[in-house]
N, C-alpha and C. Protein backbone atom coordinates (compact mmCIF):
# COMPACT_ATOMS: atom_id res chain seq x y z
N MET A 1 70.64 89.08 -2.00
CA MET A 1 71.86 89.80 -1.74
C MET A 1 71.70 90.58 -0.44
N ALA A 2 72.68 90.42 0.47
CA ALA A 2 72.61 91.07 1.77
C ALA A 2 72.95 92.55 1.65
N ARG A 3 72.25 93.31 2.42
CA ARG A 3 72.47 94.74 2.42
C ARG A 3 73.62 95.04 3.39
N ARG A 4 74.55 95.86 2.95
CA ARG A 4 75.73 96.18 3.75
C ARG A 4 75.51 97.47 4.53
N LEU A 5 75.86 97.46 5.82
CA LEU A 5 75.70 98.62 6.67
C LEU A 5 76.89 99.55 6.48
N LYS A 6 76.63 100.82 6.24
CA LYS A 6 77.70 101.80 6.08
C LYS A 6 78.11 102.31 7.46
N VAL A 7 79.39 102.30 7.71
CA VAL A 7 79.92 102.76 8.99
C VAL A 7 80.85 103.93 8.71
N THR A 8 80.66 105.00 9.45
CA THR A 8 81.50 106.18 9.27
C THR A 8 82.88 105.95 9.89
N GLY A 9 83.80 106.81 9.57
CA GLY A 9 85.15 106.70 10.10
C GLY A 9 85.19 106.89 11.61
N PHE A 10 84.37 107.78 12.12
CA PHE A 10 84.34 108.00 13.56
C PHE A 10 83.82 106.78 14.29
N THR A 11 82.83 106.11 13.73
CA THR A 11 82.29 104.91 14.36
C THR A 11 83.35 103.82 14.38
N ARG A 12 84.10 103.68 13.32
CA ARG A 12 85.19 102.70 13.29
C ARG A 12 86.22 103.03 14.37
N PHE A 13 86.53 104.32 14.47
CA PHE A 13 87.49 104.75 15.49
C PHE A 13 87.00 104.38 16.88
N LEU A 14 85.74 104.67 17.19
CA LEU A 14 85.18 104.34 18.50
C LEU A 14 85.21 102.84 18.77
N LEU A 15 84.85 102.06 17.77
CA LEU A 15 84.85 100.60 17.96
C LEU A 15 86.26 100.08 18.22
N VAL A 16 87.24 100.60 17.51
CA VAL A 16 88.62 100.18 17.72
C VAL A 16 89.09 100.59 19.11
N MET A 17 88.72 101.81 19.56
CA MET A 17 89.14 102.27 20.89
C MET A 17 88.48 101.47 21.99
N ILE A 18 87.24 101.05 21.81
CA ILE A 18 86.55 100.25 22.81
C ILE A 18 87.26 98.92 23.00
N ILE A 19 87.85 98.42 21.96
CA ILE A 19 88.58 97.14 22.04
C ILE A 19 90.05 97.36 22.38
N LEU A 20 90.68 98.38 21.79
CA LEU A 20 92.11 98.59 21.92
C LEU A 20 92.54 99.08 23.31
N ILE A 21 91.80 100.00 23.89
CA ILE A 21 92.18 100.58 25.19
C ILE A 21 92.21 99.51 26.29
N PRO A 22 91.16 98.69 26.44
CA PRO A 22 91.24 97.66 27.49
C PRO A 22 92.36 96.64 27.24
N LEU A 23 92.57 96.28 25.98
CA LEU A 23 93.66 95.33 25.69
C LEU A 23 95.02 95.94 26.03
N ALA A 24 95.21 97.21 25.74
CA ALA A 24 96.47 97.87 26.06
C ALA A 24 96.66 97.96 27.57
N PHE A 25 95.58 98.25 28.30
CA PHE A 25 95.65 98.32 29.76
C PHE A 25 96.03 96.98 30.36
N VAL A 26 95.38 95.91 29.89
CA VAL A 26 95.68 94.57 30.39
C VAL A 26 97.12 94.20 30.06
N GLY A 27 97.55 94.51 28.85
CA GLY A 27 98.92 94.20 28.45
C GLY A 27 99.94 94.95 29.30
N ALA A 28 99.68 96.23 29.57
CA ALA A 28 100.61 97.01 30.38
C ALA A 28 100.65 96.50 31.81
N ALA A 29 99.49 96.14 32.35
CA ALA A 29 99.45 95.62 33.72
C ALA A 29 100.20 94.30 33.82
N LEU A 30 100.00 93.43 32.87
CA LEU A 30 100.70 92.15 32.88
C LEU A 30 102.21 92.35 32.70
N TYR A 31 102.59 93.27 31.85
CA TYR A 31 104.00 93.56 31.62
C TYR A 31 104.66 94.06 32.90
N ASN A 32 103.94 94.86 33.67
CA ASN A 32 104.48 95.40 34.93
C ASN A 32 104.35 94.41 36.08
N GLY A 33 103.80 93.24 35.84
CA GLY A 33 103.69 92.21 36.86
C GLY A 33 102.56 92.45 37.84
N GLN A 34 101.51 93.12 37.40
CA GLN A 34 100.38 93.42 38.26
C GLN A 34 99.15 92.68 37.75
N ASP A 35 98.18 92.52 38.63
CA ASP A 35 96.93 91.89 38.26
C ASP A 35 96.04 92.93 37.58
N PRO A 36 95.64 92.71 36.33
CA PRO A 36 94.85 93.72 35.61
C PRO A 36 93.51 94.03 36.28
N LEU A 37 92.85 93.02 36.86
CA LEU A 37 91.55 93.27 37.47
C LEU A 37 91.65 94.15 38.70
N THR A 38 92.63 93.88 39.56
CA THR A 38 92.76 94.71 40.75
C THR A 38 93.21 96.12 40.39
N GLU A 39 94.06 96.24 39.37
CA GLU A 39 94.49 97.56 38.93
C GLU A 39 93.31 98.34 38.35
N ALA A 40 92.45 97.68 37.59
CA ALA A 40 91.29 98.35 37.03
C ALA A 40 90.33 98.77 38.14
N LYS A 41 90.14 97.91 39.14
CA LYS A 41 89.26 98.27 40.26
C LYS A 41 89.83 99.45 41.04
N LYS A 42 91.15 99.44 41.23
CA LYS A 42 91.78 100.54 41.95
C LYS A 42 91.67 101.84 41.15
N LEU A 43 91.86 101.75 39.84
CA LEU A 43 91.79 102.93 38.98
C LEU A 43 90.38 103.50 38.93
N LEU A 44 89.39 102.63 38.86
CA LEU A 44 88.01 103.08 38.77
C LEU A 44 87.39 103.36 40.13
N GLY A 45 88.04 102.93 41.21
CA GLY A 45 87.52 103.16 42.55
C GLY A 45 86.36 102.27 42.89
N ILE A 46 86.29 101.12 42.26
CA ILE A 46 85.18 100.20 42.49
C ILE A 46 85.30 99.54 43.86
N GLU A 47 86.48 99.07 44.17
CA GLU A 47 86.69 98.32 45.40
C GLU A 47 87.41 99.21 46.39
N GLN A 48 86.74 99.53 47.50
CA GLN A 48 87.37 100.35 48.52
C GLN A 48 87.75 99.45 49.68
N SER A 49 88.89 99.75 50.25
CA SER A 49 89.38 98.90 51.33
C SER A 49 88.54 99.11 52.58
N ALA A 50 88.57 98.12 53.46
CA ALA A 50 87.79 98.18 54.70
C ALA A 50 88.41 99.14 55.70
N ASN A 51 89.70 99.52 55.50
CA ASN A 51 90.38 100.41 56.44
C ASN A 51 89.88 101.84 56.33
N LYS A 52 89.35 102.23 55.19
CA LYS A 52 88.96 103.61 54.99
C LYS A 52 87.71 103.91 55.80
N PRO A 53 87.75 105.00 56.56
CA PRO A 53 86.55 105.36 57.33
C PRO A 53 85.46 105.90 56.41
N ALA A 54 84.24 105.75 56.84
CA ALA A 54 83.13 106.26 56.06
C ALA A 54 83.18 107.78 56.06
N PRO A 55 82.78 108.42 54.96
CA PRO A 55 82.82 109.87 54.91
C PRO A 55 81.90 110.46 55.98
N THR A 56 82.37 111.52 56.58
CA THR A 56 81.59 112.18 57.61
C THR A 56 80.87 113.37 57.02
N ASP A 57 80.15 114.08 57.86
CA ASP A 57 79.38 115.21 57.37
C ASP A 57 80.24 116.46 57.17
N ARG A 58 81.49 116.43 57.62
CA ARG A 58 82.33 117.63 57.45
C ARG A 58 82.79 117.72 56.00
N ASN A 59 83.16 118.90 55.61
CA ASN A 59 83.61 119.14 54.25
C ASN A 59 84.92 118.38 54.02
N ILE A 60 85.01 117.67 52.92
CA ILE A 60 86.19 116.85 52.63
C ILE A 60 87.41 117.72 52.39
N ASN A 61 87.23 118.94 51.89
CA ASN A 61 88.36 119.81 51.60
C ASN A 61 88.97 120.44 52.85
N GLN A 62 88.30 120.35 53.98
CA GLN A 62 88.84 120.91 55.20
C GLN A 62 89.86 119.96 55.80
N PRO A 63 90.97 120.50 56.31
CA PRO A 63 91.95 119.62 56.95
C PRO A 63 91.39 119.07 58.25
N PRO A 64 91.88 117.93 58.69
CA PRO A 64 91.38 117.36 59.95
C PRO A 64 91.76 118.26 61.11
N ARG A 65 90.94 118.26 62.13
CA ARG A 65 91.19 119.08 63.31
C ARG A 65 92.32 118.46 64.13
N PRO A 66 93.19 119.31 64.67
CA PRO A 66 94.28 118.76 65.49
C PRO A 66 93.74 118.17 66.79
N GLN A 67 94.40 117.13 67.25
CA GLN A 67 94.02 116.47 68.49
C GLN A 67 94.63 117.23 69.67
N ASN A 68 93.94 117.26 70.79
CA ASN A 68 94.42 117.97 71.97
C ASN A 68 95.44 117.16 72.76
N ASN A 69 95.40 115.84 72.64
CA ASN A 69 96.32 115.02 73.44
C ASN A 69 97.74 115.13 72.88
N GLN A 70 98.71 115.16 73.79
CA GLN A 70 100.11 115.28 73.42
C GLN A 70 100.67 113.90 73.11
N PRO A 71 101.46 113.77 72.06
CA PRO A 71 102.08 112.48 71.78
C PRO A 71 103.15 112.16 72.81
N GLU A 72 103.48 110.90 72.92
CA GLU A 72 104.47 110.46 73.90
C GLU A 72 105.85 111.01 73.60
N ASN A 73 106.16 111.24 72.33
CA ASN A 73 107.49 111.70 71.96
C ASN A 73 107.47 113.19 71.62
N ALA A 74 106.90 114.01 72.48
CA ALA A 74 106.80 115.44 72.24
C ALA A 74 108.19 116.07 72.21
N GLY A 75 109.11 115.61 73.03
CA GLY A 75 110.47 116.14 73.04
C GLY A 75 111.16 115.90 71.71
N THR A 76 110.95 114.73 71.15
CA THR A 76 111.54 114.41 69.85
C THR A 76 110.96 115.31 68.78
N ASN A 77 109.65 115.56 68.85
CA ASN A 77 109.02 116.44 67.87
C ASN A 77 109.57 117.85 67.97
N ASN A 78 109.82 118.32 69.18
CA ASN A 78 110.38 119.66 69.35
C ASN A 78 111.76 119.77 68.73
N THR A 79 112.61 118.76 68.97
CA THR A 79 113.95 118.80 68.39
C THR A 79 113.88 118.69 66.87
N GLN A 80 112.95 117.89 66.37
CA GLN A 80 112.79 117.80 64.92
C GLN A 80 112.31 119.12 64.35
N ASN A 81 111.39 119.77 65.05
CA ASN A 81 110.90 121.07 64.59
C ASN A 81 112.02 122.10 64.58
N GLU A 82 112.86 122.09 65.61
CA GLU A 82 113.98 123.03 65.66
C GLU A 82 114.96 122.77 64.53
N ALA A 83 115.24 121.50 64.28
CA ALA A 83 116.16 121.16 63.20
C ALA A 83 115.58 121.58 61.85
N LEU A 84 114.31 121.35 61.66
CA LEU A 84 113.67 121.77 60.41
C LEU A 84 113.65 123.28 60.27
N GLN A 85 113.44 123.99 61.39
CA GLN A 85 113.45 125.45 61.36
C GLN A 85 114.83 125.97 60.97
N ARG A 86 115.89 125.38 61.56
CA ARG A 86 117.26 125.79 61.20
C ARG A 86 117.52 125.52 59.73
N ARG A 87 117.09 124.37 59.25
CA ARG A 87 117.29 124.03 57.84
C ARG A 87 116.55 124.99 56.93
N LEU A 88 115.34 125.36 57.33
CA LEU A 88 114.55 126.31 56.55
C LEU A 88 115.25 127.66 56.48
N GLU A 89 115.77 128.12 57.61
CA GLU A 89 116.47 129.40 57.62
C GLU A 89 117.71 129.36 56.74
N LYS A 90 118.44 128.23 56.78
CA LYS A 90 119.63 128.09 55.94
C LYS A 90 119.24 128.11 54.46
N LEU A 91 118.18 127.41 54.12
CA LEU A 91 117.73 127.38 52.73
C LEU A 91 117.26 128.76 52.27
N GLU A 92 116.63 129.50 53.17
CA GLU A 92 116.20 130.86 52.81
C GLU A 92 117.41 131.76 52.57
N ARG A 93 118.46 131.62 53.40
CA ARG A 93 119.68 132.40 53.18
C ARG A 93 120.33 132.01 51.86
N ASP A 94 120.39 130.71 51.58
CA ASP A 94 120.97 130.25 50.31
C ASP A 94 120.16 130.79 49.13
N ASN A 95 118.85 130.77 49.27
CA ASN A 95 117.98 131.27 48.20
C ASN A 95 118.24 132.75 47.95
N ALA A 96 118.35 133.54 49.02
CA ALA A 96 118.61 134.97 48.87
C ALA A 96 119.97 135.20 48.20
N ALA A 97 120.97 134.41 48.59
CA ALA A 97 122.29 134.55 47.98
C ALA A 97 122.24 134.20 46.50
N LEU A 98 121.53 133.16 46.15
CA LEU A 98 121.42 132.77 44.75
C LEU A 98 120.66 133.81 43.93
N GLN A 99 119.63 134.40 44.53
CA GLN A 99 118.91 135.45 43.82
C GLN A 99 119.82 136.65 43.56
N GLU A 100 120.65 136.99 44.54
CA GLU A 100 121.59 138.09 44.35
C GLU A 100 122.60 137.74 43.26
N ARG A 101 123.04 136.51 43.23
CA ARG A 101 123.99 136.07 42.19
C ARG A 101 123.35 136.14 40.80
N VAL A 102 122.08 135.78 40.70
CA VAL A 102 121.36 135.85 39.42
C VAL A 102 121.28 137.30 38.97
N LYS A 103 121.01 138.22 39.90
CA LYS A 103 120.95 139.64 39.54
C LYS A 103 122.29 140.12 39.02
N GLN A 104 123.39 139.70 39.69
CA GLN A 104 124.72 140.10 39.24
C GLN A 104 125.02 139.56 37.85
N LEU A 105 124.66 138.30 37.62
CA LEU A 105 124.91 137.71 36.31
C LEU A 105 124.06 138.36 35.23
N ASP A 106 122.83 138.75 35.56
CA ASP A 106 121.99 139.47 34.60
C ASP A 106 122.63 140.80 34.22
N LEU A 107 123.18 141.50 35.21
CA LEU A 107 123.86 142.77 34.93
C LEU A 107 125.08 142.55 34.04
N GLU A 108 125.83 141.48 34.31
CA GLU A 108 126.99 141.17 33.47
C GLU A 108 126.57 140.85 32.05
N ILE A 109 125.48 140.12 31.88
CA ILE A 109 124.98 139.78 30.54
C ILE A 109 124.56 141.05 29.81
N LYS A 110 123.85 141.94 30.50
CA LYS A 110 123.43 143.20 29.87
C LYS A 110 124.65 144.02 29.47
N GLU A 111 125.67 144.04 30.33
CA GLU A 111 126.86 144.79 30.02
C GLU A 111 127.59 144.20 28.80
N LEU A 112 127.67 142.88 28.72
CA LEU A 112 128.31 142.24 27.59
C LEU A 112 127.53 142.48 26.30
N LYS A 113 126.18 142.46 26.38
CA LYS A 113 125.38 142.75 25.20
C LYS A 113 125.56 144.19 24.76
N ARG A 114 125.69 145.09 25.73
CA ARG A 114 125.87 146.50 25.39
C ARG A 114 127.22 146.73 24.72
N GLN A 115 128.24 145.99 25.15
CA GLN A 115 129.57 146.14 24.58
C GLN A 115 129.67 145.61 23.17
N ARG A 116 128.81 144.70 22.81
CA ARG A 116 128.80 144.12 21.45
C ARG A 116 128.44 145.14 20.51
């Protein structure tokens, strides 16, 4: 008579997850019309593209240093910066107006609650 191995509930859970998670991933990738192997490589970071430069000795969290050379379309950048600055100022004015409106409505709510 063969001896039966006792398996705990947690072990069963782990075995099911080891099988179920990859099958679900493959199914979802196929459903979305993607190649499961390339998606898994991209997710795990196994395959890195040749375009990416090799990491340098500088800290990765530091932003890249600005270049000294001027782009050819500097005039366009200036006009875009001015337009963005005007838009930012308008949004700040709108924000201040909305904050004032919220304060007024809060006062009205407090007054209505007090009248109750």
